[in-house]
Protein backbone atom coordinates (compact mmCIF):
# COMPACT_ATOMS: atom_id res chain seq x y z
CA SER A 1 -11.67 -5.58 12.06
CA GLN A 2 -11.87 -2.46 14.21
CA ILE A 3 -15.65 -2.31 14.09
CA ALA A 4 -16.01 -6.00 14.99
CA GLY A 5 -13.51 -5.75 17.84
CA GLY A 6 -15.19 -2.70 19.33
CA ALA A 7 -18.72 -4.00 18.78
CA SER A 8 -17.93 -7.19 20.71
CA ALA A 9 -18.12 -5.19 23.96
CA GLY A 10 -21.91 -4.88 23.57
CA PRO A 11 -22.91 -8.56 23.46
CA LEU A 12 -20.19 -9.34 25.99
CA TYR A 13 -21.81 -6.91 28.42
CA LEU A 14 -25.20 -8.55 27.84
CA GLY A 15 -23.64 -11.98 28.32
CA LEU A 16 -22.00 -10.96 31.59
CA ARG A 17 -25.29 -9.54 32.86
CA ALA A 18 -27.11 -12.75 31.97
CA PHE A 19 -24.31 -14.70 33.60
CA GLY A 20 -25.16 -12.91 36.84
CA ALA A 21 -22.70 -10.03 36.96
CA PRO A 22 -24.10 -6.74 38.34
CA ARG A 23 -24.08 -3.72 36.05
CA LEU A 24 -20.80 -2.16 37.23
CA VAL A 25 -19.02 -5.53 37.15
CA ALA A 26 -20.26 -6.17 33.60
CA VAL A 27 -19.15 -2.69 32.51
CA ALA A 28 -15.69 -3.30 33.98
CA GLY A 29 -15.45 -6.64 32.15
CA SER A 30 -16.53 -5.15 28.83
CA VAL A 31 -14.11 -2.22 29.06
CA LEU A 32 -11.32 -4.61 30.06
CA SER A 33 -12.03 -6.78 27.02
CA ALA A 34 -12.11 -3.91 24.53
CA PHE A 35 -9.13 -1.89 25.75
CA GLY A 36 -7.16 -4.01 28.22
CA THR A 37 -6.40 -7.12 26.18
CA THR A 38 -4.59 -7.99 22.98
CA LEU A 39 -7.93 -7.57 21.21
CA LEU A 40 -7.14 -3.82 21.07
CA PHE A 41 -3.93 -4.27 19.10
CA SER A 42 -5.29 -7.11 16.98
CA SER A 43 -8.38 -5.19 15.94
CA ALA A 44 -6.43 -2.02 15.20
CA ASP A 45 -3.69 -3.78 13.21
CA ALA A 46 -6.26 -5.69 11.14
CA ARG A 47 -3.95 -8.01 9.21
CA ALA A 48 -5.78 -11.15 8.12
CA PRO A 49 -5.06 -13.31 11.21
CA TYR A 50 -5.89 -10.42 13.56
CA ALA A 51 -9.07 -9.52 11.70
CA ALA A 52 -10.19 -13.14 11.99
CA HIS A 53 -9.79 -12.91 15.77
CA SER A 54 -11.83 -9.70 15.91
CA VAL A 55 -14.71 -11.17 13.91
CA ALA A 56 -14.63 -14.40 15.90
CA MET A 57 -14.63 -12.42 19.16
CA LEU A 58 -17.78 -10.59 18.13
CA CYS A 59 -19.56 -13.81 17.14
CA MET A 60 -18.37 -15.68 20.23
CA SER A 61 -19.61 -12.85 22.47
CA VAL A 62 -23.02 -13.14 20.81
CA ALA A 63 -22.98 -16.91 21.39
CA PHE A 64 -22.06 -16.38 25.04
CA ALA A 65 -24.87 -13.84 25.49
CA PHE A 66 -27.48 -16.18 23.98
CA ALA A 67 -26.23 -19.17 25.98
CA ALA A 68 -26.06 -17.31 29.30
CA ARG A 69 -29.62 -16.06 28.79
CA GLY A 70 -30.84 -19.55 27.98
CA GLY A 71 -31.71 -18.36 24.50
CA PRO A 72 -32.83 -20.54 21.59
CA PRO A 73 -30.36 -23.30 20.74
CA TRP A 74 -30.42 -22.36 17.05
CA ALA A 75 -29.15 -18.87 17.93
CA VAL A 76 -26.35 -20.22 20.11
CA GLY A 77 -25.32 -22.67 17.40
CA ALA A 78 -25.52 -20.11 14.58
CA ALA A 79 -23.29 -17.67 16.48
CA ILE A 80 -20.75 -20.43 17.15
CA GLY A 81 -20.92 -21.40 13.47
CA LEU A 82 -20.20 -17.84 12.36
CA ALA A 83 -17.27 -17.64 14.77
CA THR A 84 -15.99 -20.92 13.31
CA LEU A 85 -15.98 -19.49 9.79
CA ALA A 86 -13.52 -16.86 11.08
CA ARG A 87 -11.53 -19.02 13.51
CA VAL A 88 -11.92 -22.81 13.19
CA PRO A 89 -10.98 -23.54 16.86
CA ALA A 90 -14.18 -21.75 17.90
CA ILE A 91 -16.19 -24.88 17.14
CA ALA A 92 -14.55 -26.62 20.10
CA VAL A 93 -16.64 -24.60 22.60
CA THR A 94 -19.93 -26.01 21.27
CA PRO A 95 -20.64 -28.64 23.98
CA ALA A 96 -19.77 -26.25 26.81
CA LEU A 97 -22.01 -23.46 25.51
CA ALA A 98 -24.79 -25.98 24.92
CA LEU A 99 -24.56 -26.90 28.60
CA LEU A 100 -24.60 -23.21 29.57
CA ALA A 101 -27.69 -22.66 27.41
CA ALA A 102 -29.39 -25.63 29.04
CA ARG A 103 -28.54 -24.22 32.45
CA GLY A 104 -29.90 -20.80 31.51
CA SER A 105 -33.15 -22.10 30.05
CA GLY A 106 -33.80 -24.86 32.55
CA ALA A 107 -34.21 -27.36 29.70
CA PRO A 108 -32.50 -30.76 29.87
CA ALA A 109 -29.03 -30.83 28.35
CA ARG A 110 -29.97 -33.91 26.33
CA VAL A 111 -32.56 -31.76 24.54
CA VAL A 112 -30.48 -28.60 24.07
CA MET A 113 -27.21 -30.25 23.03
CA PRO A 114 -28.38 -31.86 19.76
CA ARG A 115 -30.24 -28.70 18.77
CA VAL A 116 -27.12 -26.57 19.19
CA LEU A 117 -25.08 -29.13 17.25
CA LEU A 118 -27.65 -29.13 14.45
CA ALA A 119 -27.43 -25.33 14.25
CA VAL A 120 -23.62 -25.45 14.04
CA ALA A 121 -23.65 -28.20 11.39
CA PRO A 122 -24.53 -26.06 8.30
CA PHE A 123 -21.64 -23.69 9.00
CA ALA A 124 -19.22 -26.57 9.53
CA LEU A 125 -20.36 -28.19 6.29
CA ALA A 126 -20.00 -24.89 4.44
CA LEU A 127 -16.43 -24.57 5.72
CA LEU A 128 -15.61 -28.13 4.65
CA ALA A 129 -17.05 -27.49 1.18
CA TYR A 130 -15.12 -24.22 0.88
CA ASP A 131 -11.84 -25.92 1.78
CA LEU A 132 -12.56 -28.72 -0.68
CA LEU A 133 -13.02 -26.17 -3.45
CA ARG A 134 -9.95 -24.08 -2.69
CA PHE A 135 -7.47 -26.70 -1.46
CA GLY A 136 -8.81 -30.00 -2.79
CA SER A 137 -9.43 -31.40 0.68
CA PRO A 138 -12.22 -30.61 3.17
CA PHE A 139 -9.73 -31.01 6.04
CA ASP A 140 -7.06 -28.59 4.76
CA THR A 141 -7.53 -24.94 5.69
CA GLY A 142 -4.33 -23.93 3.93
CA TYR A 143 -1.85 -24.69 6.69
CA ALA A 144 -0.67 -27.90 5.04
CA ARG A 145 0.93 -25.77 2.31
CA LEU A 146 1.89 -22.91 4.55
CA VAL A 147 3.92 -24.96 7.05
CA ARG A 148 5.67 -27.31 4.62
CA GLY A 149 9.34 -27.27 5.60
CA ASP A 150 8.69 -24.82 8.47
CA ILE A 151 10.95 -25.51 11.44
CA PHE A 152 8.20 -24.52 13.89
CA PHE A 153 6.03 -27.38 12.60
CA SER A 154 8.63 -30.14 12.72
CA GLN A 155 6.09 -32.48 14.37
CA GLY A 156 3.17 -31.58 12.09
CA LEU A 157 0.42 -29.04 12.71
CA PHE A 158 -0.45 -30.30 16.19
CA SER A 159 1.71 -32.15 18.70
CA PRO A 160 2.17 -32.45 22.49
CA PHE A 161 5.80 -31.45 21.86
CA TYR A 162 4.60 -27.90 21.18
CA LEU A 163 2.95 -27.54 24.60
CA PRO A 164 6.03 -26.13 26.45
CA ARG A 165 6.56 -23.30 23.94
CA GLN A 166 2.85 -22.45 24.02
CA LEU A 167 2.71 -22.35 27.82
CA GLU A 168 5.83 -20.21 27.86
CA ALA A 169 4.24 -17.68 25.50
CA LEU A 170 0.92 -17.84 27.35
CA LEU A 171 2.23 -17.47 30.90
CA LEU A 172 5.94 -16.65 31.11
CA LEU A 173 7.39 -14.48 28.32
CA ALA A 174 8.15 -10.98 29.61
CA PRO A 175 9.00 -7.82 27.67
CA ASP A 176 12.60 -6.66 27.40
CA ILE A 177 13.66 -3.60 29.39
CA VAL A 178 15.61 -1.19 27.18
CA GLU A 179 17.38 1.74 28.82
CA GLY A 180 17.86 5.17 27.28
CA THR A 181 14.56 5.29 25.39
CA PRO A 182 11.08 6.58 26.25
CA TRP A 183 9.73 3.21 25.10
CA MET A 184 11.39 1.35 27.95
CA LEU A 185 9.43 -1.88 27.55
CA ARG A 186 9.95 -3.74 24.28
CA LEU A 187 7.48 -6.54 23.62
CA GLN A 188 8.57 -10.01 22.64
CA PHE A 189 7.86 -10.77 18.98
CA ALA A 190 6.93 -14.37 19.89
CA GLY A 191 4.40 -13.18 22.46
CA THR A 192 4.13 -11.77 25.95
CA SER A 193 2.60 -13.46 28.97
CA LEU A 194 -1.15 -13.00 29.18
CA LEU A 195 -0.74 -12.28 32.90
CA ILE A 196 1.62 -9.38 32.12
CA THR A 197 -0.33 -7.83 29.24
CA THR A 198 -3.66 -8.32 31.06
CA PRO A 199 -2.98 -8.73 34.80
CA ALA A 200 -6.72 -8.58 35.48
CA PHE A 201 -6.83 -12.16 34.16
CA LEU A 202 -5.13 -13.25 37.38
CA TRP A 203 -8.66 -13.23 38.81
CA VAL A 204 -9.54 -16.09 36.46
CA PHE A 205 -7.89 -18.42 38.97
CA ALA A 206 -10.10 -17.05 41.75
CA GLY A 207 -13.12 -17.54 39.51
CA LEU A 208 -12.23 -21.18 38.96
CA ARG A 209 -12.88 -21.83 42.65
CA ALA A 210 -16.59 -21.54 41.89
CA VAL A 211 -16.52 -24.37 39.34
CA ARG A 212 -17.74 -26.99 41.80
CA ARG A 213 -20.34 -24.69 43.29
CA GLU A 214 -21.92 -23.23 40.13
CA ARG A 215 -22.71 -25.22 36.99
CA SER A 216 -22.76 -22.08 34.88
CA VAL A 217 -19.21 -21.25 35.97
CA ALA A 218 -18.18 -24.84 35.23
CA ALA A 219 -19.65 -24.54 31.72
CA VAL A 220 -17.78 -21.26 31.08
CA ALA A 221 -14.53 -22.77 32.39
CA ALA A 222 -15.04 -25.78 30.10
CA ALA A 223 -15.60 -23.44 27.14
CA ALA A 224 -12.32 -21.63 27.89
CA LEU A 225 -10.43 -24.92 28.19
CA LEU A 226 -11.90 -26.50 25.06
CA GLY A 227 -11.34 -23.37 23.00
CA LEU A 228 -7.68 -23.13 24.02
CA LEU A 229 -6.82 -26.79 23.48
CA PRO A 230 -6.20 -26.45 19.71
CA ALA A 231 -3.89 -23.49 20.33
CA VAL A 232 -1.68 -25.04 23.00
CA PHE A 233 -0.90 -28.02 20.78
CA PHE A 234 -0.32 -25.92 17.64
CA GLY A 235 3.15 -25.39 16.22
CA SER A 236 3.17 -21.58 16.16
CA THR A 237 2.64 -19.38 19.19
CA GLY A 238 0.91 -16.80 17.00
CA ALA A 239 3.89 -14.53 16.33
CA PRO A 240 4.05 -11.71 15.52
CA GLN A 241 1.69 -10.57 18.24
CA VAL A 242 1.07 -8.44 21.29
CA GLY A 243 0.32 -10.65 24.26
CA TYR A 244 -1.04 -14.08 23.33
CA ARG A 245 -3.56 -13.63 20.54
CA TYR A 246 -4.98 -17.15 20.65
CA SER A 247 -6.57 -16.17 23.97
CA ILE A 248 -9.04 -14.03 22.00
CA ASP A 249 -10.70 -17.27 20.86
CA VAL A 250 -11.97 -17.73 24.43
CA GLN A 251 -11.86 -14.16 25.73
CA PRO A 252 -15.58 -13.89 26.64
CA PHE A 253 -15.12 -16.82 28.98
CA LEU A 254 -11.87 -15.55 30.47
CA VAL A 255 -13.53 -12.21 31.20
CA ALA A 256 -16.53 -13.96 32.76
CA LEU A 257 -14.26 -16.04 35.00
CA ALA A 258 -12.22 -12.96 35.98
CA CYS A 259 -15.40 -11.08 36.90
CA THR A 260 -16.54 -14.06 38.93
CA GLY A 261 -13.26 -14.12 40.81
CA ALA A 262 -13.37 -10.36 41.40
CA ALA A 263 -16.96 -10.02 42.58
CA ALA A 264 -18.44 -13.46 43.35
CA ALA A 265 -15.65 -15.39 45.05
CA THR A 266 -17.94 -16.14 48.02
CA GLY A 267 -20.79 -17.37 45.83
CA VAL A 268 -22.80 -14.12 45.99
CA TRP A 269 -22.26 -11.32 43.48
CA ARG A 270 -21.14 -8.00 44.94
CA ARG A 271 -22.45 -4.86 43.27
CA THR A 272 -18.95 -3.62 42.51
CA PRO A 273 -15.67 -5.42 41.82
CA SER A 274 -12.84 -5.12 44.30
CA ILE A 275 -10.57 -2.06 44.23
CA LEU A 276 -7.61 -4.32 43.49
CA PHE A 277 -9.38 -5.74 40.43
CA ILE A 278 -10.19 -2.23 39.20
CA LEU A 279 -6.52 -1.30 39.62
CA ALA A 280 -5.51 -4.41 37.65
CA CYS A 281 -7.95 -3.39 34.90
CA VAL A 282 -6.42 0.10 34.75
CA ILE A 283 -2.94 -1.42 34.46
CA SER A 284 -4.22 -3.76 31.74
CA LEU A 285 -5.59 -0.80 29.79
CA ALA A 286 -2.33 1.12 30.18
CA VAL A 287 -0.21 -1.82 29.00
CA ASN A 288 -2.31 -2.53 25.92
CA VAL A 289 -2.75 1.11 24.88
CA TYR A 290 1.02 1.55 25.29
CA ALA A 291 1.67 -1.58 23.21
CA ALA A 292 -0.73 -0.58 20.44
CA ILE A 293 0.80 2.90 20.12
CA ALA A 294 4.39 1.65 20.39
CA VAL A 295 3.98 -1.00 17.71
CA LEU A 296 1.44 0.53 15.30
CA ARG A 297 2.67 4.11 15.44
CA PHE A 298 6.39 3.69 16.02
CA GLY A 299 7.07 0.11 14.94
CA TYR A 300 8.67 -0.55 18.31
CA TRP A 301 8.93 -4.33 18.46
CA GLU A 302 11.60 -6.94 19.06
């Protein structure tokens, strides 16, 4: 888990460079991803759900790097397929990354899309066969047994009724302030707002302004949206967690959008990100290092 989480910074850097980010911007994005997001805690903790995120992050970063470079469709699809074996929602980004790969290679999307889908197919079929063998159904990944009678899944595995609690965990939940202790901030067990744990992601909104102007940005934004859709309609917010761990499923794309907002808001990449973005990255690193030490070393959690 720790090796996969740390190694993801390499292909993410290559993906950001291929996406258009200058060297210093790509370095800032890679460092932010490795140390300034919930990936740090998840990789270090390494319980089964967290380890799955770390492995999926590595594979998704590889898929992003191949797609942004306009690499071979089979490589893009294989990387997505490997990510899917770790985290099933990863398969949802397939059409968006196929469009990004078509943009990067200059080939028509109608040619690239089916090739990427064909490359993903063997991994999807292997997962279906595996679930059939272990649970008796190709469409049961184990949650049907796990959530039986669980109050958090009163409307089934997925439902629009779960959207408010997911958006609260994603955007609004703040840590408690506890006086009289050196660990003044106590994280919420159910999750903590992504914009508090990683304030550098505020620049994602600035990056979204380039969606109409740049097709590659539109493809990355679509990948982030498609990859998050299964999470925001899921019954559990991902607790226990630091931050909002489901965001790791689309973290390469969030980082790419944040870098775009920080250094290419006008349509032309600057050589360095803004000072304010660098400051937000430093705060993000401080928050996540603090959280990892507080929880893993001292068990300081709600």
